[in-house]
Protein backbone atom coordinates (compact mmCIF):
# COMPACT_ATOMS: atom_id res chain seq x y z
CA UNK A 1 38.11 124.06 59.41
CA UNK A 2 36.09 126.86 60.93
CA UNK A 3 32.69 127.81 59.56
CA UNK A 4 34.06 130.91 57.78
CA UNK A 5 33.95 130.71 54.01
CA UNK A 6 37.40 132.26 53.81
CA UNK A 7 39.81 130.58 56.22
CA UNK A 8 42.31 132.73 58.02
CA UNK A 9 45.75 132.72 56.40
CA UNK A 10 48.32 130.99 58.57
CA UNK A 11 52.09 131.02 58.42
CA UNK A 12 54.05 128.01 59.62
CA UNK A 13 57.74 127.96 60.41
CA UNK A 14 59.85 124.84 60.09
CA UNK A 15 58.63 123.77 63.56
CA UNK A 16 55.28 124.42 65.22
CA UNK A 17 53.27 123.50 68.31
CA UNK A 18 50.10 121.55 67.55
CA UNK A 19 47.58 119.44 69.44
CA UNK A 20 45.90 116.17 68.50
CA UNK A 21 42.78 116.11 70.70
CA UNK A 22 41.42 112.93 69.11
CA UNK A 23 44.45 111.05 70.41
CA UNK A 24 44.66 112.76 73.79
CA UNK A 25 47.78 114.74 72.87
CA UNK A 26 47.18 118.37 73.98
CA UNK A 27 50.66 119.61 73.04
CA UNK A 28 53.40 118.31 70.77
CA UNK A 29 56.12 119.96 68.69
CA UNK A 30 56.02 119.02 65.04
CA UNK A 31 58.64 119.48 62.32
CA UNK A 32 57.21 120.74 59.01
CA UNK A 33 58.42 118.73 56.01
CA UNK A 34 56.89 119.70 52.67
CA UNK A 35 58.89 116.94 51.01
CA UNK A 36 56.75 114.30 52.74
CA UNK A 37 53.19 113.60 51.64
CA UNK A 38 51.77 112.18 54.89
CA UNK A 39 52.47 113.24 58.45
CA UNK A 40 54.21 110.82 60.79
CA UNK A 41 53.78 110.36 64.54
CA UNK A 42 56.07 108.65 67.00
CA UNK A 43 54.40 105.41 68.14
CA UNK A 44 55.43 102.10 69.65
CA UNK A 45 53.71 98.89 70.78
CA UNK A 46 51.67 99.18 67.58
CA UNK A 47 49.09 96.38 67.41
CA UNK A 48 45.90 95.90 65.44
CA UNK A 49 42.62 94.76 66.97
CA UNK A 50 38.90 94.76 66.33
CA UNK A 51 36.79 93.30 63.47
CA UNK A 52 38.38 92.61 60.11
CA UNK A 53 35.89 94.78 58.27
CA UNK A 54 36.80 97.78 60.45
CA UNK A 55 40.21 97.17 62.01
CA UNK A 56 41.65 99.46 64.63
CA UNK A 57 45.16 100.05 65.85
CA UNK A 58 46.31 100.46 69.43
CA UNK A 59 49.61 102.22 70.10
CA UNK A 60 51.41 104.29 72.70
CA UNK A 61 53.58 107.36 72.41
CA UNK A 62 55.95 109.59 74.35
CA UNK A 63 55.09 113.18 73.28
CA UNK A 64 57.96 114.75 75.24
CA UNK A 65 61.45 113.77 74.03
CA UNK A 66 63.46 112.24 76.86
CA UNK A 67 60.42 111.60 79.07
CA UNK A 68 59.66 107.92 78.61
CA UNK A 69 57.79 107.96 81.92
CA UNK A 70 54.98 109.80 80.12
CA UNK A 71 53.05 107.17 78.19
CA UNK A 72 49.86 108.02 76.30
CA UNK A 73 47.89 105.01 75.05
CA UNK A 74 45.92 105.69 71.88
CA UNK A 75 43.59 103.86 69.53
CA UNK A 76 42.16 104.75 66.14
CA UNK A 77 40.49 103.26 63.08
CA UNK A 78 42.93 102.17 60.34
CA UNK A 79 42.20 103.90 57.04
CA UNK A 80 45.13 102.53 55.02
CA UNK A 81 48.52 100.83 54.96
CA UNK A 82 51.31 102.45 52.94
CA UNK A 83 54.92 101.89 52.06
CA UNK A 84 56.85 104.95 53.25
CA UNK A 85 60.47 105.65 52.36
CA UNK A 86 62.34 107.52 55.07
CA UNK A 87 64.99 110.19 54.53
CA UNK A 88 67.73 107.59 54.81
CA UNK A 89 66.18 105.47 52.06
CA UNK A 90 64.63 102.74 54.22
CA UNK A 91 61.16 101.53 53.20
CA UNK A 92 58.60 100.74 55.89
CA UNK A 93 54.99 99.55 55.67
CA UNK A 94 52.97 101.73 58.07
CA UNK A 95 49.42 101.95 59.34
CA UNK A 96 47.61 105.16 58.43
CA UNK A 97 45.00 106.81 60.67
CA UNK A 98 43.04 110.05 60.46
CA UNK A 99 42.61 112.46 63.38
CA UNK A 100 41.89 116.19 63.90
CA UNK A 101 44.80 118.63 64.29
CA UNK A 102 44.33 121.89 66.19
CA UNK A 103 46.38 125.02 65.51
CA UNK A 104 45.56 128.58 66.59
CA UNK A 105 41.92 127.76 67.30
CA UNK A 106 41.41 126.04 63.94
CA UNK A 107 40.89 122.32 63.45
CA UNK A 108 41.01 120.04 60.41
CA UNK A 109 41.52 116.31 59.84
CA UNK A 110 44.95 115.03 58.86
CA UNK A 111 46.33 111.64 57.90
CA UNK A 112 49.11 110.26 60.05
CA UNK A 113 51.40 107.26 59.61
CA UNK A 114 52.60 105.49 62.74
CA UNK A 115 56.28 104.74 63.22
CA UNK A 116 58.87 104.66 65.95
CA UNK A 117 60.64 108.04 65.94
CA UNK A 118 62.46 107.56 69.25
CA UNK A 119 65.78 108.37 67.58
CA UNK A 120 64.44 111.55 65.94
CA UNK A 121 64.68 115.01 67.48
CA UNK A 122 61.01 115.65 66.62
CA UNK A 123 58.25 113.31 67.78
CA UNK A 124 56.03 114.37 64.86
CA UNK A 125 56.48 115.33 61.23
CA UNK A 126 53.88 117.39 59.32
CA UNK A 127 53.60 116.47 55.64
CA UNK A 128 51.92 118.17 52.69
CA UNK A 129 48.51 116.58 53.23
CA UNK A 130 48.24 118.34 56.63
CA UNK A 131 49.16 121.74 55.20
CA UNK A 132 46.05 123.29 53.69
CA UNK A 133 45.99 125.92 50.94
CA UNK A 134 45.69 128.76 53.43
CA UNK A 135 49.04 127.84 55.05
CA UNK A 136 52.29 129.31 53.85
CA UNK A 137 55.70 128.11 55.00
CA UNK A 138 58.50 130.34 56.23
CA UNK A 139 61.40 127.89 56.23
CA UNK A 140 63.78 130.25 58.06
CA UNK A 141 61.63 130.69 61.17
CA UNK A 142 59.88 128.52 63.77
CA UNK A 143 56.90 128.77 66.15
CA UNK A 144 55.01 131.37 64.14
CA UNK A 145 51.72 130.13 65.63
CA UNK A 146 50.77 130.33 69.33
CA UNK A 147 53.14 128.28 71.41
CA UNK A 148 51.74 125.54 73.63
CA UNK A 149 53.45 124.02 76.64
CA UNK A 150 54.29 120.61 78.03
CA UNK A 151 52.98 121.89 81.39
CA UNK A 152 49.65 120.20 80.65
CA UNK A 153 51.30 116.81 81.06
CA UNK A 154 52.19 117.70 84.65
CA UNK A 155 48.61 118.53 85.68
CA UNK A 156 45.27 116.81 86.12
CA UNK A 157 44.10 118.55 82.92
CA UNK A 158 45.86 115.78 81.06
CA UNK A 159 43.29 113.18 82.17
CA UNK A 160 40.45 115.50 81.11
CA UNK A 161 42.09 116.06 77.74
CA UNK A 162 42.08 112.33 76.99
CA UNK A 163 39.23 111.44 74.61
CA UNK A 164 36.90 108.49 74.87
CA UNK A 165 38.59 105.80 72.83
CA UNK A 166 38.13 102.19 71.79
CA UNK A 167 39.73 99.88 74.32
CA UNK A 168 41.12 96.39 73.97
CA UNK A 169 39.84 94.43 76.98
CA UNK A 170 40.56 90.86 78.11
CA UNK A 171 38.06 88.92 80.22
CA UNK A 172 39.82 86.10 82.06
CA UNK A 173 37.11 83.47 82.24
CA UNK A 174 36.62 79.76 81.59
CA UNK A 175 32.83 79.91 81.55
CA UNK A 176 30.32 80.93 78.92
CA UNK A 177 27.81 82.26 81.43
CA UNK A 178 25.64 85.35 81.84
CA UNK A 179 28.39 87.44 83.40
CA UNK A 180 30.95 86.68 80.69
CA UNK A 181 28.44 87.26 77.89
CA UNK A 182 27.35 90.58 79.42
CA UNK A 183 30.95 91.77 79.67
CA UNK A 184 31.43 91.10 75.96
CA UNK A 185 28.06 92.50 74.92
CA UNK A 186 28.30 95.73 76.91
CA UNK A 187 31.94 96.33 75.99
CA UNK A 188 31.28 95.96 72.27
CA UNK A 189 28.21 98.20 72.57
CA UNK A 190 30.52 100.90 73.92
CA UNK A 191 32.89 100.49 70.96
CA UNK A 192 35.50 98.37 72.70
CA UNK A 193 36.99 95.06 71.59
CA UNK A 194 36.51 92.41 74.29
CA UNK A 195 38.31 89.07 74.10
CA UNK A 196 37.52 86.13 76.40
CA UNK A 197 40.70 84.36 77.53
CA UNK A 198 40.65 80.93 79.18
CA UNK A 199 42.85 81.50 82.23
CA UNK A 200 44.13 77.93 82.38
CA UNK A 201 45.38 78.09 78.79
CA UNK A 202 47.59 81.10 79.54
CA UNK A 203 51.25 80.65 80.30
CA UNK A 204 53.97 83.09 81.23
CA UNK A 205 57.43 84.16 80.14
CA UNK A 206 58.95 85.44 83.37
CA UNK A 207 62.00 87.59 82.89
CA UNK A 208 63.19 91.05 83.92
CA UNK A 209 63.36 92.71 80.52
CA UNK A 210 60.32 91.43 78.65
CA UNK A 211 57.70 89.68 80.79
CA UNK A 212 54.90 88.25 78.62
CA UNK A 213 51.67 86.27 78.77
CA UNK A 214 51.22 83.63 76.09
CA UNK A 215 48.06 81.90 74.92
CA UNK A 216 47.60 79.08 72.43
CA UNK A 217 51.17 79.34 71.21
CA UNK A 218 51.27 83.11 70.75
CA UNK A 219 52.17 86.11 72.87
CA UNK A 220 49.05 87.94 73.98
CA UNK A 221 48.85 91.52 72.72
CA UNK A 222 48.77 94.61 74.86
CA UNK A 223 45.41 95.05 76.55
CA UNK A 224 44.15 98.31 77.98
CA UNK A 225 42.43 96.46 80.81
CA UNK A 226 41.91 92.97 82.20
CA UNK A 227 38.70 91.87 83.93
CA UNK A 228 39.48 88.79 86.05
CA UNK A 229 36.71 86.20 86.44
CA UNK A 230 38.85 83.68 88.31
CA UNK A 231 37.08 80.50 89.45
CA UNK A 232 37.69 79.32 93.00
CA UNK A 233 39.23 76.06 91.82
CA UNK A 234 42.06 77.85 89.99
CA UNK A 235 42.63 80.81 92.32
CA UNK A 236 46.43 80.37 92.75
CA UNK A 237 47.13 80.02 89.02
CA UNK A 238 44.56 82.66 88.06
CA UNK A 239 46.09 85.12 90.52
CA UNK A 240 49.54 84.39 89.02
CA UNK A 241 48.25 85.26 85.53
CA UNK A 242 46.73 88.50 86.83
CA UNK A 243 50.02 89.25 88.57
CA UNK A 244 51.84 88.79 85.27
CA UNK A 245 49.53 91.29 83.55
CA UNK A 246 50.23 93.70 86.41
CA UNK A 247 53.97 93.22 85.84
CA UNK A 248 53.53 94.15 82.19
CA UNK A 249 51.66 97.29 83.24
CA UNK A 250 48.11 96.32 82.20
CA UNK A 251 45.32 97.70 84.35
CA UNK A 252 43.42 94.93 86.16
CA UNK A 253 39.97 95.67 87.59
CA UNK A 254 40.91 93.61 90.65
CA UNK A 255 44.52 93.03 91.64
CA UNK A 256 46.03 89.61 92.27
CA UNK A 257 46.55 90.32 95.98
CA UNK A 258 42.91 91.22 96.53
CA UNK A 259 41.69 88.16 94.64
CA UNK A 260 43.93 85.84 96.65
CA UNK A 261 43.03 87.41 99.98
CA UNK A 262 39.27 87.36 99.36
CA UNK A 263 39.37 83.66 98.42
CA UNK A 264 41.23 82.63 101.58
CA UNK A 265 38.37 82.67 104.08
CA UNK A 266 40.65 82.61 107.12
CA UNK A 267 42.89 85.39 105.83
CA UNK A 268 39.83 87.35 104.69
CA UNK A 269 38.36 87.31 108.20
CA UNK A 270 41.72 88.38 109.64
CA UNK A 271 41.83 91.30 107.19
CA UNK A 272 38.30 92.38 108.16
CA UNK A 273 39.09 92.04 111.87
CA UNK A 274 42.17 94.23 111.42
CA UNK A 275 40.02 96.82 109.63
CA UNK A 276 37.45 96.64 112.46
CA UNK A 277 34.68 95.54 110.08
CA UNK A 278 31.70 93.92 111.76
CA UNK A 279 31.36 90.15 111.15
CA UNK A 280 29.94 87.12 112.98
CA UNK A 281 32.12 85.81 115.81
CA UNK A 282 34.54 83.39 114.17
CA UNK A 283 36.98 80.75 115.35
CA UNK A 284 39.47 78.64 113.40
CA UNK A 285 41.62 75.63 114.15
CA UNK A 286 43.33 73.24 111.76
CA UNK A 287 43.11 70.37 114.24
CA UNK A 288 41.59 71.41 117.58
CA UNK A 289 42.07 68.94 120.41
CA UNK A 290 39.11 70.29 122.30
CA UNK A 291 35.94 70.61 120.20
CA UNK A 292 34.14 72.11 123.18
CA UNK A 293 36.70 74.93 123.39
CA UNK A 294 36.36 76.06 119.77
CA UNK A 295 32.59 76.18 120.18
CA UNK A 296 33.01 78.28 123.30
CA UNK A 297 35.15 80.80 121.40
CA UNK A 298 32.19 81.57 119.13
CA UNK A 299 29.22 81.32 121.40
CA UNK A 300 26.37 78.88 121.82
CA UNK A 301 24.46 76.79 119.29
CA UNK A 302 23.17 77.16 116.68
CA UNK A 303 26.49 77.56 114.87
CA UNK A 304 27.75 77.63 111.30
CA UNK A 305 30.59 75.29 110.37
CA UNK A 306 32.16 76.32 107.06
CA UNK A 307 34.89 74.70 104.98
CA UNK A 308 37.60 77.19 104.02
CA UNK A 309 37.32 76.13 100.37
CA UNK A 310 33.51 76.42 100.25
CA UNK A 311 31.83 78.41 97.46
CA UNK A 312 28.20 79.14 96.53
CA UNK A 313 27.02 77.71 99.84
CA UNK A 314 28.68 74.31 99.40
CA UNK A 315 30.49 72.98 102.47
CA UNK A 316 28.47 75.20 104.83
CA UNK A 317 26.58 73.40 107.61
CA UNK A 318 24.14 74.72 110.22
CA UNK A 319 24.54 72.91 113.53
CA UNK A 320 21.39 73.68 115.54
CA UNK A 321 22.56 72.09 118.79
CA UNK A 322 25.88 71.86 120.61
CA UNK A 323 25.93 68.10 120.08
CA UNK A 324 25.32 68.51 116.34
CA UNK A 325 28.11 71.11 116.16
CA UNK A 326 30.53 68.71 117.90
CA UNK A 327 29.63 65.96 115.44
CA UNK A 328 30.16 68.16 112.37
CA UNK A 329 33.46 69.49 113.70
CA UNK A 330 34.70 65.98 114.49
CA UNK A 331 33.68 64.85 110.99
CA UNK A 332 35.52 67.72 109.30
CA UNK A 333 38.53 67.13 111.52
CA UNK A 334 38.51 63.44 110.55
CA UNK A 335 38.65 64.48 106.89
CA UNK A 336 41.65 66.72 107.70
CA UNK A 337 39.65 69.65 106.31
CA UNK A 338 40.24 73.25 107.36
CA UNK A 339 37.10 74.95 108.58
CA UNK A 340 35.72 77.98 110.36
CA UNK A 341 33.12 78.00 113.11
CA UNK A 342 30.86 81.06 113.19
CA UNK A 343 28.07 82.41 115.28
CA UNK A 344 24.67 81.97 113.58
CA UNK A 345 22.84 85.30 113.24
CA UNK A 346 19.26 84.21 113.95
CA UNK A 347 17.67 87.59 113.26
CA UNK A 348 18.88 87.47 109.63
CA UNK A 349 16.22 84.74 109.13
CA UNK A 350 17.89 83.16 106.09
CA UNK A 351 18.38 86.48 104.30
CA UNK A 352 21.44 88.46 103.39
CA UNK A 353 22.26 91.63 101.48
CA UNK A 354 24.58 91.61 98.44
CA UNK A 355 26.12 95.05 97.86
CA UNK A 356 27.87 95.49 94.53
CA UNK A 357 30.79 97.90 94.92
CA UNK A 358 32.47 99.42 91.84
CA UNK A 359 35.18 102.10 92.01
CA UNK A 360 34.45 103.02 95.61
CA UNK A 361 30.66 103.24 95.23
CA UNK A 362 27.80 100.87 96.04
CA UNK A 363 26.11 100.80 92.63
CA UNK A 364 23.39 98.29 93.51
CA UNK A 365 22.13 96.11 96.36
CA UNK A 366 19.75 93.19 96.57
CA UNK A 367 18.25 91.09 99.33
CA UNK A 368 18.67 87.36 98.88
CA UNK A 369 16.32 84.92 100.57
CA UNK A 370 17.06 81.20 100.89
CA UNK A 371 14.79 78.51 99.51
CA UNK A 372 12.23 77.02 101.91
CA UNK A 373 14.00 75.18 104.68
CA UNK A 374 17.48 76.40 103.65
CA UNK A 375 19.38 78.87 105.84
CA UNK A 376 21.71 79.70 102.89
CA UNK A 377 20.57 82.51 100.62
CA UNK A 378 22.73 81.64 97.59
CA UNK A 379 20.88 82.10 94.30
CA UNK A 380 22.71 79.03 92.93
CA UNK A 381 20.88 76.95 95.56
CA UNK A 382 17.37 78.11 94.68
CA UNK A 383 17.30 81.38 96.61
CA UNK A 384 15.44 84.45 95.37
CA UNK A 385 16.51 88.06 95.13
CA UNK A 386 14.93 91.51 95.03
CA UNK A 387 16.18 95.05 95.06
CA UNK A 388 16.60 96.56 98.53
CA UNK A 389 17.39 99.98 99.96
CA UNK A 390 20.34 99.81 102.34
CA UNK A 391 21.14 102.04 105.29
CA UNK A 392 24.09 104.45 105.46
CA UNK A 393 25.77 102.10 107.96
CA UNK A 394 25.39 99.15 105.57
CA UNK A 395 26.73 101.23 102.70
CA UNK A 396 29.74 102.37 104.71
CA UNK A 397 30.42 98.82 105.84
CA UNK A 398 30.36 97.49 102.26
CA UNK A 399 32.71 100.24 101.08
CA UNK A 400 35.13 99.64 103.96
CA UNK A 401 35.12 95.92 103.24
CA UNK A 402 35.94 96.37 99.54
CA UNK A 403 38.61 98.90 100.42
CA UNK A 404 40.21 96.55 102.97
CA UNK A 405 40.93 94.11 100.11
CA UNK A 406 41.81 96.89 97.66
CA UNK A 407 39.14 95.64 95.24
CA UNK A 408 37.76 97.97 92.58
CA UNK A 409 34.83 95.58 92.06
CA UNK A 410 33.42 93.45 94.86
CA UNK A 411 30.28 91.72 95.96
CA UNK A 412 30.00 92.32 99.71
CA UNK A 413 27.57 90.01 101.52
CA UNK A 414 26.04 91.43 104.71
CA UNK A 415 23.75 90.09 107.40
CA UNK A 416 21.36 92.41 109.21
CA UNK A 417 21.92 91.69 112.88
CA UNK A 418 20.69 93.40 116.06
CA UNK A 419 24.24 94.71 116.54
CA UNK A 420 24.45 96.22 113.02
CA UNK A 421 25.62 94.87 109.67
CA UNK A 422 27.86 91.81 109.74
CA UNK A 423 30.01 90.98 106.70
CA UNK A 424 29.85 87.35 105.70
CA UNK A 425 32.09 87.43 102.63
CA UNK A 426 33.80 89.71 100.10
CA UNK A 427 33.60 88.25 96.59
CA UNK A 428 36.17 89.41 94.04
CA UNK A 429 34.31 87.83 91.06
CA UNK A 430 30.64 88.63 91.78
CA UNK A 431 28.05 87.44 89.29
CA UNK A 432 25.96 90.01 87.44
CA UNK A 433 22.82 88.08 86.56
CA UNK A 434 21.00 88.15 89.88
CA UNK A 435 21.75 91.76 90.72
CA UNK A 436 21.08 93.14 87.22
CA UNK A 437 17.76 91.34 86.96
CA UNK A 438 16.59 92.17 90.48
CA UNK A 439 17.60 95.82 90.38
CA UNK A 440 17.06 96.48 86.62
CA UNK A 441 20.41 98.36 86.60
CA UNK A 442 23.13 98.17 83.99
CA UNK A 443 25.88 97.06 86.40
CA UNK A 444 28.29 96.02 83.66
CA UNK A 445 27.93 99.45 82.05
CA UNK A 446 29.00 101.06 85.35
CA UNK A 447 32.01 98.73 85.43
CA UNK A 448 33.07 99.90 81.96
CA UNK A 449 32.65 103.51 83.01
CA UNK A 450 35.11 102.87 85.83
CA UNK A 451 37.54 101.12 83.48
CA UNK A 452 37.38 103.94 80.94
CA UNK A 453 38.25 106.42 83.68
CA UNK A 454 41.13 104.33 85.02
CA UNK A 455 42.95 103.77 81.73
CA UNK A 456 43.27 107.48 80.98
CA UNK A 457 46.91 108.61 81.04
CA UNK A 458 48.21 109.91 84.36
CA UNK A 459 50.15 113.21 84.70
CA UNK A 460 53.86 112.99 85.39
CA UNK A 461 55.97 114.87 87.90
CA UNK A 462 58.06 117.76 86.72
CA UNK A 463 61.77 117.16 86.93
CA UNK A 464 63.72 119.60 89.06
CA UNK A 465 65.83 122.10 87.21
CA UNK A 466 64.09 121.66 83.83
CA UNK A 467 62.19 124.24 81.86
CA UNK A 468 58.51 123.71 81.19
CA UNK A 469 59.08 123.04 77.49
CA UNK A 470 62.09 120.73 77.82
């Protein structure tokens, strides 16, 4: 209610425009039914989540009849469960939530039951509990209060109207490490429910009408977002699981195509070359007949010989002379291993720059230095890290690299060479420990900010030949 001691008298007809700002519904037509105690809202995909002592419910709704392309995801705290008997005599057990209702500049909390009203002419019913003492009903009229419009759903204002809400987030990870724990900790601190899902224990129901992801014998619920932490050893299967979530319509921080491309070192270098992103001279051959020729394609020793499946610096060899390079290449070829040969950037002096890109911005950067005697700067191999200020050219290069793979979150590794920044790798599952500790920044918090912005409902196009309130 307003702060006035005497609320303004309102008259309602049998149908009125209202808004439910707490659910991100700026305009909806509601039928007034004084015979019902509690209001009812059209909802589907109704699922509970959160702690048992304070359960929440996630649901979606179509506020405009006939426009199923407009989907508004909502979440709210459950205040009750009630048996409700409909007008045709059917009894249904429904979840009850409480949310503010706005009418004519006034606002007051109302209780709402959630049920599928897809077959009803009205997407919402207003019961007695929502009708305060200062409201009188004129059953022969309608729209006695200011009329709203569905136009808001066709504009960017719709995203701004969406409130901050509790999200249900899945972290696809097999490891209980710093990054996974931080994702859970930070998400719960922001009021979200975060569930860690072992990727290898997921399986899929692949069909046209109802694609699903199952886990431990049950269908996984609807998640607002998925954060993939796919290990290199399970990239193909992990990408397939992410692809299944994409098919369902769940937002994934990184898409399956970007994850797959970034893990394939040969394909990744081809993508960067096509995007004209600076990188060390690189050559590839599955089984070269002439070792001397592949070395000549890159340059002169010292050279880097790198297995395509290498991660965290494993399978990466520095050949300091041409003869050593020939020996390493012959050894890899004898093992029938696929490998890249790259020019060694001497001026980098065992250091590289990790730029953490989230939602099209470099949110942090650190300089990594290899352990004594090791040309690799990986922190997993004893390297050290510290915060570093990067140049505009390095920032632009990191952003272009992440964009080339269509990754919303990426760790872009750069070398500082005399010819400008050279991209070594684009990592679709970057770790958070080193960069959070070295930069003292809440990187995971910035990731959740990006997720919260992405899962807001998107405006829909207006259909030709329809009125704004149809």
